[in-house]
Amino acid sequence: MEKVSKICTIILGIAMACMGIYCIATPGATYMELGYVIGLSMLLDGIGRCIEWWQSRKTGEASGLSLATAIISLVLGIILIGNNAMQVAVDVFIAYLAAIWVLALGIIRVCFALKARKVHKEFDTLILGKHWGVALAYGIILIVLGLICLANPSITIFSIGLGIGLSILVTGTNLITLGVSISSK
Protein backbone atom coordinates (compact mmCIF):
# COMPACT_ATOMS: atom_id res chain seq x y z
CA MET A 1 0.00 0.00 0.00
CA GLU A 2 2.85 2.39 0.77
CA LYS A 3 4.30 1.78 -2.69
CA VAL A 4 0.98 2.78 -4.31
CA SER A 5 0.84 5.85 -2.08
CA LYS A 6 4.41 6.75 -3.02
CA ILE A 7 3.76 6.39 -6.75
CA CYS A 8 0.48 8.34 -6.60
CA THR A 9 2.09 11.13 -4.60
CA ILE A 10 4.98 11.42 -7.06
CA ILE A 11 2.61 11.39 -10.07
CA LEU A 12 0.41 14.07 -8.48
CA GLY A 13 3.52 16.12 -7.68
CA ILE A 14 4.78 15.86 -11.25
CA ALA A 15 1.34 16.83 -12.59
CA MET A 16 1.17 19.85 -10.27
CA ALA A 17 4.73 20.87 -11.12
CA CYS A 18 3.85 20.71 -14.83
CA MET A 19 0.71 22.80 -14.21
CA GLY A 20 2.83 25.28 -12.26
CA ILE A 21 5.30 25.56 -15.12
CA TYR A 22 2.41 26.07 -17.54
CA CYS A 23 0.96 28.80 -15.31
CA ILE A 24 4.35 30.50 -15.06
CA ALA A 25 4.71 30.36 -18.85
CA THR A 26 1.21 31.83 -19.34
CA PRO A 27 0.53 34.08 -16.33
CA GLY A 28 -2.06 36.18 -18.18
CA ALA A 29 -4.13 33.12 -19.11
CA THR A 30 -3.77 31.78 -15.57
CA TYR A 31 -5.04 35.02 -14.11
CA MET A 32 -7.92 35.24 -16.56
CA GLU A 33 -9.30 31.94 -15.23
CA LEU A 34 -9.90 33.43 -11.77
CA GLY A 35 -13.37 34.66 -12.72
CA TYR A 36 -14.33 31.14 -13.78
CA VAL A 37 -12.88 29.63 -10.60
CA ILE A 38 -14.78 32.16 -8.47
CA GLY A 39 -17.99 31.41 -10.39
CA LEU A 40 -17.52 27.68 -9.90
CA SER A 41 -16.85 28.24 -6.19
CA MET A 42 -20.03 30.31 -5.89
CA LEU A 43 -22.02 27.60 -7.66
CA LEU A 44 -20.67 24.87 -5.38
CA ASP A 45 -21.31 27.07 -2.34
CA GLY A 46 -24.89 27.61 -3.47
CA ILE A 47 -25.45 23.89 -3.95
CA GLY A 48 -23.99 23.16 -0.50
CA ARG A 49 -26.14 25.83 1.12
CA CYS A 50 -29.27 24.47 -0.62
CA ILE A 51 -28.51 21.00 0.71
CA GLU A 52 -27.88 22.42 4.17
CA TRP A 53 -31.16 24.37 4.02
CA TRP A 54 -33.07 21.29 2.83
CA GLN A 55 -31.72 19.21 5.71
CA SER A 56 -32.30 21.91 8.33
CA ARG A 57 -35.86 22.30 7.02
CA LYS A 58 -36.59 18.76 8.20
CA THR A 59 -35.63 19.71 11.76
CA GLY A 60 -37.45 23.03 11.65
CA GLU A 61 -34.23 25.08 11.79
CA ALA A 62 -34.34 26.32 8.19
CA SER A 63 -34.18 30.04 7.64
CA GLY A 64 -35.38 32.00 4.66
CA LEU A 65 -32.19 34.04 4.82
CA SER A 66 -30.00 30.96 4.38
CA LEU A 67 -32.12 29.88 1.40
CA ALA A 68 -31.83 33.37 -0.09
CA THR A 69 -28.02 33.31 0.20
CA ALA A 70 -27.98 29.85 -1.40
CA ILE A 71 -30.07 31.06 -4.32
CA ILE A 72 -27.96 34.20 -4.74
CA SER A 73 -24.77 32.12 -4.78
CA LEU A 74 -26.29 29.73 -7.31
CA VAL A 75 -27.54 32.48 -9.63
CA LEU A 76 -24.35 34.54 -9.49
CA GLY A 77 -22.22 31.41 -9.94
CA ILE A 78 -24.21 30.39 -13.02
CA ILE A 79 -24.02 33.91 -14.45
CA LEU A 80 -20.28 34.09 -13.83
CA ILE A 81 -19.57 30.68 -15.32
CA GLY A 82 -21.80 31.26 -18.34
CA ASN A 83 -20.80 34.83 -19.18
CA ASN A 84 -17.27 35.58 -20.34
CA ALA A 85 -17.82 39.32 -20.02
CA MET A 86 -18.67 38.89 -16.33
CA GLN A 87 -15.54 36.77 -15.84
CA VAL A 88 -13.41 39.51 -17.40
CA ALA A 89 -15.13 42.12 -15.21
CA VAL A 90 -14.32 40.09 -12.09
CA ASP A 91 -10.72 39.64 -13.27
CA VAL A 92 -10.30 43.38 -13.86
CA PHE A 93 -11.91 44.15 -10.49
CA ILE A 94 -9.43 41.80 -8.78
CA ALA A 95 -6.51 43.52 -10.53
CA TYR A 96 -7.64 46.98 -9.40
CA LEU A 97 -8.44 45.74 -5.92
CA ALA A 98 -4.94 44.25 -5.61
CA ALA A 99 -3.40 47.54 -6.80
CA ILE A 100 -5.44 49.53 -4.27
CA TRP A 101 -4.40 47.06 -1.57
CA VAL A 102 -0.69 47.55 -2.36
CA LEU A 103 -1.18 51.33 -2.42
CA ALA A 104 -2.97 51.26 0.96
CA LEU A 105 -0.23 49.10 2.46
CA GLY A 106 2.34 51.60 1.25
CA ILE A 107 0.50 54.55 2.78
CA ILE A 108 0.12 52.70 6.08
CA ARG A 109 3.83 51.76 6.03
CA VAL A 110 4.83 55.40 5.43
CA CYS A 111 2.60 56.54 8.32
CA PHE A 112 4.13 53.86 10.54
CA ALA A 113 7.65 54.93 9.55
CA LEU A 114 6.98 58.58 10.32
CA LYS A 115 5.51 57.66 13.69
CA ALA A 116 8.52 55.42 14.42
CA ARG A 117 10.83 58.31 13.47
CA LYS A 118 8.99 60.60 15.89
CA VAL A 119 9.24 58.03 18.70
CA HIS A 120 12.93 57.48 17.94
CA LYS A 121 13.66 61.23 18.10
CA GLU A 122 11.42 61.92 21.09
CA PHE A 123 12.84 59.20 23.33
CA ASP A 124 16.34 59.23 21.85
CA THR A 125 16.51 55.45 21.92
CA LEU A 126 18.95 53.20 20.19
CA ILE A 127 16.40 50.46 19.46
CA LEU A 128 12.85 51.82 19.28
CA GLY A 129 12.17 53.28 15.84
CA LYS A 130 15.80 52.86 14.81
CA HIS A 131 15.00 51.49 11.33
CA TRP A 132 12.24 53.93 10.44
CA GLY A 133 14.07 54.83 7.22
CA VAL A 134 13.82 51.25 5.94
CA ALA A 135 10.08 51.20 6.68
CA LEU A 136 9.72 54.58 4.94
CA ALA A 137 11.57 53.37 1.84
CA TYR A 138 9.49 50.19 1.77
CA GLY A 139 6.29 52.22 2.07
CA ILE A 140 7.31 54.55 -0.75
CA ILE A 141 8.14 51.55 -2.97
CA LEU A 142 4.71 50.06 -2.24
CA ILE A 143 3.01 53.36 -3.04
CA VAL A 144 4.86 53.61 -6.36
CA LEU A 145 4.04 49.97 -7.20
CA GLY A 146 0.40 50.53 -6.30
CA LEU A 147 0.19 53.58 -8.53
CA ILE A 148 1.91 51.76 -11.40
CA CYS A 149 -0.49 48.83 -11.02
CA LEU A 150 -3.48 51.19 -10.98
CA ALA A 151 -2.21 52.87 -14.14
CA ASN A 152 -1.42 49.55 -15.85
CA PRO A 153 -3.44 46.62 -14.46
CA SER A 154 -1.72 44.21 -16.85
CA ILE A 155 1.29 44.32 -14.52
CA THR A 156 -0.95 43.18 -11.66
CA ILE A 157 -2.50 40.49 -13.87
CA PHE A 158 0.94 39.20 -14.85
CA SER A 159 2.18 39.25 -11.24
CA ILE A 160 -0.84 37.42 -9.82
CA GLY A 161 -0.73 34.80 -12.60
CA LEU A 162 2.98 34.31 -12.01
CA GLY A 163 2.42 34.01 -8.25
CA ILE A 164 -0.25 31.37 -8.76
CA GLY A 165 2.08 29.42 -11.05
CA LEU A 166 4.95 29.60 -8.57
CA SER A 167 2.67 28.43 -5.74
CA ILE A 168 1.48 25.44 -7.76
CA LEU A 169 5.04 24.60 -8.79
CA VAL A 170 6.25 24.70 -5.18
CA THR A 171 3.32 22.54 -4.07
CA GLY A 172 4.11 20.02 -6.82
CA THR A 173 7.76 19.97 -5.84
CA ASN A 174 6.78 19.38 -2.22
CA LEU A 175 4.57 16.46 -3.26
CA ILE A 176 7.40 14.93 -5.29
CA THR A 177 9.73 15.29 -2.29
CA LEU A 178 7.11 13.74 -0.02
CA GLY A 179 6.56 10.86 -2.43
CA VAL A 180 10.26 10.16 -2.72
CA SER A 181 10.63 10.21 1.07
CA ILE A 182 7.84 7.66 1.66
CA SER A 183 9.62 4.48 2.61
CA SER A 184 8.83 1.33 0.62
CA LYS A 185 8.99 -1.86 2.62
C-alpha atoms as a PDB file:
ATOM      1  CA  MET A   1       0.000   0.000   0.000  1.00  0.00           C
ATOM      2  CA  GLU A   2       2.850   2.388   0.771  1.00  0.00           C
ATOM      3  CA  LYS A   3       4.302   1.782  -2.687  1.00  0.00           C
ATOM      4  CA  VAL A   4       0.982   2.785  -4.315  1.00  0.00           C
ATOM      5  CA  SER A   5       0.840   5.853  -2.082  1.00  0.00           C
ATOM      6  CA  LYS A   6       4.410   6.747  -3.019  1.00  0.00           C
ATOM      7  CA  ILE A   7       3.762   6.387  -6.752  1.00  0.00           C
ATOM      8  CA  CYS A   8       0.483   8.337  -6.604  1.00  0.00           C
ATOM      9  CA  THR A   9       2.091  11.134  -4.600  1.00  0.00           C
ATOM     10  CA  ILE A  10       4.982  11.425  -7.058  1.00  0.00           C
ATOM     11  CA  ILE A  11       2.605  11.391 -10.065  1.00  0.00           C
ATOM     12  CA  LEU A  12       0.413  14.072  -8.480  1.00  0.00           C
ATOM     13  CA  GLY A  13       3.518  16.115  -7.682  1.00  0.00           C
ATOM     14  CA  ILE A  14       4.781  15.862 -11.246  1.00  0.00           C
ATOM     15  CA  ALA A  15       1.343  16.834 -12.589  1.00  0.00           C
ATOM     16  CA  MET A  16       1.175  19.851 -10.271  1.00  0.00           C
ATOM     17  CA  ALA A  17       4.735  20.872 -11.121  1.00  0.00           C
ATOM     18  CA  CYS A  18       3.852  20.712 -14.826  1.00  0.00           C
ATOM     19  CA  MET A  19       0.712  22.798 -14.209  1.00  0.00           C
ATOM     20  CA  GLY A  20       2.831  25.281 -12.259  1.00  0.00           C
ATOM     21  CA  ILE A  21       5.301  25.559 -15.117  1.00  0.00           C
ATOM     22  CA  TYR A  22       2.406  26.069 -17.545  1.00  0.00           C
ATOM     23  CA  CYS A  23       0.959  28.800 -15.306  1.00  0.00           C
ATOM     24  CA  ILE A  24       4.351  30.498 -15.059  1.00  0.00           C
ATOM     25  CA  ALA A  25       4.712  30.359 -18.853  1.00  0.00           C
ATOM     26  CA  THR A  26       1.208  31.829 -19.339  1.00  0.00           C
ATOM     27  CA  PRO A  27       0.526  34.084 -16.331  1.00  0.00           C
ATOM     28  CA  GLY A  28      -2.056  36.178 -18.177  1.00  0.00           C
ATOM     29  CA  ALA A  29      -4.128  33.118 -19.106  1.00  0.00           C
ATOM     30  CA  THR A  30      -3.770  31.781 -15.574  1.00  0.00           C
ATOM     31  CA  TYR A  31      -5.042  35.024 -14.112  1.00  0.00           C
ATOM     32  CA  MET A  32      -7.925  35.241 -16.563  1.00  0.00           C
ATOM     33  CA  GLU A  33      -9.302  31.940 -15.233  1.00  0.00           C
ATOM     34  CA  LEU A  34      -9.896  33.432 -11.774  1.00  0.00           C
ATOM     35  CA  GLY A  35     -13.372  34.659 -12.717  1.00  0.00           C
ATOM     36  CA  TYR A  36     -14.334  31.142 -13.782  1.00  0.00           C
ATOM     37  CA  VAL A  37     -12.883  29.629 -10.599  1.00  0.00           C
ATOM     38  CA  ILE A  38     -14.781  32.164  -8.472  1.00  0.00           C
ATOM     39  CA  GLY A  39     -17.992  31.407 -10.389  1.00  0.00           C
ATOM     40  CA  LEU A  40     -17.523  27.675  -9.898  1.00  0.00           C
ATOM     41  CA  SER A  41     -16.848  28.243  -6.187  1.00  0.00           C
ATOM     42  CA  MET A  42     -20.031  30.311  -5.894  1.00  0.00           C
ATOM     43  CA  LEU A  43     -22.023  27.604  -7.662  1.00  0.00           C
ATOM     44  CA  LEU A  44     -20.673  24.873  -5.376  1.00  0.00           C
ATOM     45  CA  ASP A  45     -21.305  27.074  -2.338  1.00  0.00           C
ATOM     46  CA  GLY A  46     -24.890  27.611  -3.469  1.00  0.00           C
ATOM     47  CA  ILE A  47     -25.450  23.889  -3.949  1.00  0.00           C
ATOM     48  CA  GLY A  48     -23.993  23.163  -0.503  1.00  0.00           C
ATOM     49  CA  ARG A  49     -26.145  25.834   1.119  1.00  0.00           C
ATOM     50  CA  CYS A  50     -29.270  24.469  -0.618  1.00  0.00           C
ATOM     51  CA  ILE A  51     -28.510  20.997   0.710  1.00  0.00           C
ATOM     52  CA  GLU A  52     -27.883  22.424   4.170  1.00  0.00           C
ATOM     53  CA  TRP A  53     -31.156  24.370   4.022  1.00  0.00           C
ATOM     54  CA  TRP A  54     -33.067  21.288   2.830  1.00  0.00           C
ATOM     55  CA  GLN A  55     -31.722  19.206   5.714  1.00  0.00           C
ATOM     56  CA  SER A  56     -32.301  21.906   8.333  1.00  0.00           C
ATOM     57  CA  ARG A  57     -35.863  22.295   7.016  1.00  0.00           C
ATOM     58  CA  LYS A  58     -36.585  18.763   8.204  1.00  0.00           C
ATOM     59  CA  THR A  59     -35.633  19.711  11.759  1.00  0.00           C
ATOM     60  CA  GLY A  60     -37.445  23.031  11.645  1.00  0.00           C
ATOM     61  CA  GLU A  61     -34.226  25.079  11.792  1.00  0.00           C
ATOM     62  CA  ALA A  62     -34.337  26.323   8.193  1.00  0.00           C
ATOM     63  CA  SER A  63     -34.181  30.035   7.644  1.00  0.00           C
ATOM     64  CA  GLY A  64     -35.376  32.004   4.656  1.00  0.00           C
ATOM     65  CA  LEU A  65     -32.193  34.041   4.822  1.00  0.00           C
ATOM     66  CA  SER A  66     -29.998  30.964   4.383  1.00  0.00           C
ATOM     67  CA  LEU A  67     -32.119  29.877   1.399  1.00  0.00           C
ATOM     68  CA  ALA A  68     -31.829  33.368  -0.086  1.00  0.00           C
ATOM     69  CA  THR A  69     -28.021  33.310   0.204  1.00  0.00           C
ATOM     70  CA  ALA A  70     -27.978  29.854  -1.395  1.00  0.00           C
ATOM     71  CA  ILE A  71     -30.067  31.063  -4.319  1.00  0.00           C
ATOM     72  CA  ILE A  72     -27.962  34.196  -4.740  1.00  0.00           C
ATOM     73  CA  SER A  73     -24.771  32.122  -4.781  1.00  0.00           C
ATOM     74  CA  LEU A  74     -26.293  29.734  -7.313  1.00  0.00           C
ATOM     75  CA  VAL A  75     -27.544  32.479  -9.631  1.00  0.00           C
ATOM     76  CA  LEU A  76     -24.345  34.541  -9.487  1.00  0.00           C
ATOM     77  CA  GLY A  77     -22.222  31.412  -9.944  1.00  0.00           C
ATOM     78  CA  ILE A  78     -24.209  30.391 -13.019  1.00  0.00           C
ATOM     79  CA  ILE A  79     -24.016  33.912 -14.446  1.00  0.00           C
ATOM     80  CA  LEU A  80     -20.283  34.094 -13.831  1.00  0.00           C
ATOM     81  CA  ILE A  81     -19.568  30.680 -15.320  1.00  0.00           C
ATOM     82  CA  GLY A  82     -21.796  31.263 -18.340  1.00  0.00           C
ATOM     83  CA  ASN A  83     -20.801  34.828 -19.181  1.00  0.00           C
ATOM     84  CA  ASN A  84     -17.267  35.578 -20.345  1.00  0.00           C
ATOM     85  CA  ALA A  85     -17.823  39.324 -20.021  1.00  0.00           C
ATOM     86  CA  MET A  86     -18.669  38.891 -16.332  1.00  0.00           C
ATOM     87  CA  GLN A  87     -15.538  36.773 -15.844  1.00  0.00           C
ATOM     88  CA  VAL A  88     -13.409  39.513 -17.399  1.00  0.00           C
ATOM     89  CA  ALA A  89     -15.127  42.120 -15.213  1.00  0.00           C
ATOM     90  CA  VAL A  90     -14.320  40.094 -12.090  1.00  0.00           C
ATOM     91  CA  ASP A  91     -10.722  39.636 -13.267  1.00  0.00           C
ATOM     92  CA  VAL A  92     -10.299  43.376 -13.860  1.00  0.00           C
ATOM     93  CA  PHE A  93     -11.914  44.149 -10.494  1.00  0.00           C
ATOM     94  CA  ILE A  94      -9.433  41.800  -8.777  1.00  0.00           C
ATOM     95  CA  ALA A  95      -6.511  43.521 -10.531  1.00  0.00           C
ATOM     96  CA  TYR A  96      -7.638  46.980  -9.405  1.00  0.00           C
ATOM     97  CA  LEU A  97      -8.442  45.736  -5.915  1.00  0.00           C
ATOM     98  CA  ALA A  98      -4.941  44.246  -5.609  1.00  0.00           C
ATOM     99  CA  ALA A  99      -3.403  47.536  -6.803  1.00  0.00           C
ATOM    100  CA  ILE A 100      -5.439  49.532  -4.271  1.00  0.00           C
ATOM    101  CA  TRP A 101      -4.401  47.057  -1.568  1.00  0.00           C
ATOM    102  CA  VAL A 102      -0.692  47.547  -2.360  1.00  0.00           C
ATOM    103  CA  LEU A 103      -1.183  51.332  -2.419  1.00  0.00           C
ATOM    104  CA  ALA A 104      -2.972  51.265   0.957  1.00  0.00           C
ATOM    105  CA  LEU A 105      -0.232  49.096   2.463  1.00  0.00           C
ATOM    106  CA  GLY A 106       2.344  51.600   1.253  1.00  0.00           C
ATOM    107  CA  ILE A 107       0.495  54.551   2.777  1.00  0.00           C
ATOM    108  CA  ILE A 108       0.121  52.695   6.083  1.00  0.00           C
ATOM    109  CA  ARG A 109       3.828  51.761   6.029  1.00  0.00           C
ATOM    110  CA  VAL A 110       4.829  55.402   5.435  1.00  0.00           C
ATOM    111  CA  CYS A 111       2.599  56.544   8.320  1.00  0.00           C
ATOM    112  CA  PHE A 112       4.128  53.863  10.542  1.00  0.00           C
ATOM    113  CA  ALA A 113       7.654  54.926   9.553  1.00  0.00           C
ATOM    114  CA  LEU A 114       6.982  58.584  10.317  1.00  0.00           C
ATOM    115  CA  LYS A 115       5.506  57.658  13.686  1.00  0.00           C
ATOM    116  CA  ALA A 116       8.518  55.420  14.421  1.00  0.00           C
ATOM    117  CA  ARG A 117      10.829  58.311  13.466  1.00  0.00           C
ATOM    118  CA  LYS A 118       8.992  60.601  15.893  1.00  0.00           C
ATOM    119  CA  VAL A 119       9.243  58.027  18.696  1.00  0.00           C
ATOM    120  CA  HIS A 120      12.926  57.480  17.936  1.00  0.00           C
ATOM    121  CA  LYS A 121      13.665  61.232  18.103  1.00  0.00           C
ATOM    122  CA  GLU A 122      11.415  61.924  21.092  1.00  0.00           C
ATOM    123  CA  PHE A 123      12.838  59.203  23.327  1.00  0.00           C
ATOM    124  CA  ASP A 124      16.337  59.234  21.851  1.00  0.00           C
ATOM    125  CA  THR A 125      16.514  55.453  21.925  1.00  0.00           C
ATOM    126  CA  LEU A 126      18.951  53.200  20.189  1.00  0.00           C
ATOM    127  CA  ILE A 127      16.403  50.464  19.464  1.00  0.00           C
ATOM    128  CA  LEU A 128      12.850  51.819  19.284  1.00  0.00           C
ATOM    129  CA  GLY A 129      12.168  53.284  15.840  1.00  0.00           C
ATOM    130  CA  LYS A 130      15.797  52.857  14.806  1.00  0.00           C
ATOM    131  CA  HIS A 131      14.997  51.495  11.327  1.00  0.00           C
ATOM    132  CA  TRP A 132      12.244  53.926  10.444  1.00  0.00           C
ATOM    133  CA  GLY A 133      14.070  54.830   7.223  1.00  0.00           C
ATOM    134  CA  VAL A 134      13.819  51.251   5.941  1.00  0.00           C
ATOM    135  CA  ALA A 135      10.082  51.199   6.675  1.00  0.00           C
ATOM    136  CA  LEU A 136       9.718  54.577   4.941  1.00  0.00           C
ATOM    137  CA  ALA A 137      11.569  53.373   1.840  1.00  0.00           C
ATOM    138  CA  TYR A 138       9.491  50.190   1.765  1.00  0.00           C
ATOM    139  CA  GLY A 139       6.289  52.224   2.068  1.00  0.00           C
ATOM    140  CA  ILE A 140       7.313  54.554  -0.749  1.00  0.00           C
ATOM    141  CA  ILE A 141       8.143  51.548  -2.965  1.00  0.00           C
ATOM    142  CA  LEU A 142       4.708  50.057  -2.236  1.00  0.00           C
ATOM    143  CA  ILE A 143       3.011  53.357  -3.044  1.00  0.00           C
ATOM    144  CA  VAL A 144       4.864  53.609  -6.363  1.00  0.00           C
ATOM    145  CA  LEU A 145       4.042  49.974  -7.199  1.00  0.00           C
ATOM    146  CA  GLY A 146       0.401  50.526  -6.298  1.00  0.00           C
ATOM    147  CA  LEU A 147       0.186  53.584  -8.528  1.00  0.00           C
ATOM    148  CA  ILE A 148       1.908  51.763 -11.395  1.00  0.00           C
ATOM    149  CA  CYS A 149      -0.490  48.831 -11.024  1.00  0.00           C
ATOM    150  CA  LEU A 150      -3.475  51.192 -10.978  1.00  0.00           C
ATOM    151  CA  ALA A 151      -2.215  52.871 -14.142  1.00  0.00           C
ATOM    152  CA  ASN A 152      -1.418  49.553 -15.849  1.00  0.00           C
ATOM    153  CA  PRO A 153      -3.441  46.622 -14.457  1.00  0.00           C
ATOM    154  CA  SER A 154      -1.722  44.209 -16.848  1.00  0.00           C
ATOM    155  CA  ILE A 155       1.290  44.320 -14.515  1.00  0.00           C
ATOM    156  CA  THR A 156      -0.955  43.179 -11.665  1.00  0.00           C
ATOM    157  CA  ILE A 157      -2.502  40.494 -13.866  1.00  0.00           C
ATOM    158  CA  PHE A 158       0.943  39.201 -14.846  1.00  0.00           C
ATOM    159  CA  SER A 159       2.177  39.253 -11.241  1.00  0.00           C
ATOM    160  CA  ILE A 160      -0.842  37.424  -9.823  1.00  0.00           C
ATOM    161  CA  GLY A 161      -0.732  34.802 -12.602  1.00  0.00           C
ATOM    162  CA  LEU A 162       2.981  34.310 -12.010  1.00  0.00           C
ATOM    163  CA  GLY A 163       2.419  34.015  -8.246  1.00  0.00           C
ATOM    164  CA  ILE A 164      -0.253  31.368  -8.761  1.00  0.00           C
ATOM    165  CA  GLY A 165       2.079  29.422 -11.052  1.00  0.00           C
ATOM    166  CA  LEU A 166       4.947  29.600  -8.570  1.00  0.00           C
ATOM    167  CA  SER A 167       2.667  28.431  -5.745  1.00  0.00           C
ATOM    168  CA  ILE A 168       1.476  25.445  -7.762  1.00  0.00           C
ATOM    169  CA  LEU A 169       5.043  24.600  -8.790  1.00  0.00           C
ATOM    170  CA  VAL A 170       6.252  24.700  -5.175  1.00  0.00           C
ATOM    171  CA  THR A 171       3.317  22.538  -4.067  1.00  0.00           C
ATOM    172  CA  GLY A 172       4.106  20.022  -6.819  1.00  0.00           C
ATOM    173  CA  THR A 173       7.762  19.971  -5.844  1.00  0.00           C
ATOM    174  CA  ASN A 174       6.779  19.376  -2.218  1.00  0.00           C
ATOM    175  CA  LEU A 175       4.568  16.462  -3.262  1.00  0.00           C
ATOM    176  CA  ILE A 176       7.402  14.927  -5.285  1.00  0.00           C
ATOM    177  CA  THR A 177       9.727  15.287  -2.294  1.00  0.00           C
ATOM    178  CA  LEU A 178       7.110  13.741  -0.023  1.00  0.00           C
ATOM    179  CA  GLY A 179       6.556  10.863  -2.433  1.00  0.00           C
ATOM    180  CA  VAL A 180      10.263  10.158  -2.716  1.00  0.00           C
ATOM    181  CA  SER A 181      10.632  10.209   1.071  1.00  0.00           C
ATOM    182  CA  ILE A 182       7.844   7.658   1.662  1.00  0.00           C
ATOM    183  CA  SER A 183       9.618   4.478   2.609  1.00  0.00           C
ATOM    184  CA  SER A 184       8.826   1.334   0.622  1.00  0.00           C
ATOM    185  CA  LYS A 185       8.989  -1.860   2.615  1.00  0.00           C
END
